[in-house]
Amino acid sequence: MADDDTSTALPQTCVRCGQVALLRIVGRCGSCIGTLGLEGGEEYAAWRAEVKAEFGAK
């Protein structure tokens, strides 16, 4: 998408909770990402692996 003043964020559905959100990272909304981070565990590790696969690791 172009980076200009005419572009807008489009709401998308979170794959985890089903809520509509403007911010999603690898399909999860900000609330779910926060919950995953606080809980830790296998679901968080799987999400982190997806993030690294899509965006690369630094």
Protein backbone atom coordinates (compact mmCIF):
# COMPACT_ATOMS: atom_id res chain seq x y z
CA MET A 1 0.00 0.00 0.00
CA ALA A 2 1.23 3.49 -0.80
CA ASP A 3 2.64 5.57 2.02
CA ASP A 4 0.75 8.82 1.47
CA ASP A 5 -1.97 10.95 3.06
CA THR A 6 -4.76 9.21 1.15
CA SER A 7 -4.17 5.70 2.54
CA THR A 8 -6.22 4.50 5.48
CA ALA A 9 -6.06 1.55 7.82
CA LEU A 10 -8.57 -1.16 7.04
CA PRO A 11 -10.16 -3.13 9.88
CA GLN A 12 -9.41 -6.85 9.80
CA THR A 13 -10.54 -9.77 11.93
CA CYS A 14 -8.17 -11.32 14.47
CA VAL A 15 -7.60 -15.01 13.74
CA ARG A 16 -7.41 -15.78 17.47
CA CYS A 17 -10.35 -13.94 19.07
CA GLY A 18 -12.45 -12.90 16.07
CA GLN A 19 -12.55 -9.20 17.03
CA VAL A 20 -12.17 -6.56 14.33
CA ALA A 21 -8.98 -4.52 14.79
CA LEU A 22 -6.89 -1.96 12.93
CA LEU A 23 -3.63 -3.39 14.28
CA ARG A 24 -2.76 -6.99 13.50
CA ILE A 25 0.59 -8.72 13.47
CA VAL A 26 0.63 -12.12 11.79
CA GLY A 27 -3.15 -12.31 12.14
CA ARG A 28 -3.41 -11.49 15.85
CA CYS A 29 -4.80 -8.23 17.29
CA GLY A 30 -2.92 -6.15 19.85
CA SER A 31 -5.01 -7.51 22.73
CA CYS A 32 -4.27 -11.11 21.82
CA ILE A 33 -0.57 -10.35 21.37
CA GLY A 34 -0.50 -8.85 24.87
CA THR A 35 -2.33 -11.86 26.31
CA LEU A 36 0.01 -14.27 24.53
CA GLY A 37 3.04 -12.40 25.86
CA LEU A 38 1.79 -12.40 29.44
CA GLU A 39 0.83 -16.08 29.36
CA GLY A 40 3.95 -17.22 27.52
CA GLY A 41 3.78 -20.88 26.63
CA GLU A 42 3.57 -22.80 23.40
CA GLU A 43 1.01 -20.54 21.69
CA TYR A 44 3.27 -17.51 22.22
CA ALA A 45 6.30 -19.42 20.95
CA ALA A 46 4.38 -20.47 17.83
CA TRP A 47 3.26 -16.88 17.18
CA ARG A 48 6.86 -15.61 17.59
CA ALA A 49 8.04 -18.21 15.09
CA GLU A 50 5.42 -16.98 12.61
CA VAL A 51 6.56 -13.36 13.13
CA LYS A 52 10.20 -14.31 12.55
CA ALA A 53 9.27 -16.28 9.44
CA GLU A 54 7.30 -13.39 7.97
CA PHE A 55 9.47 -10.45 8.99
CA GLY A 56 12.85 -12.06 9.64
CA ALA A 57 14.89 -12.13 12.83
CA LYS A 58 17.29 -9.41 13.93
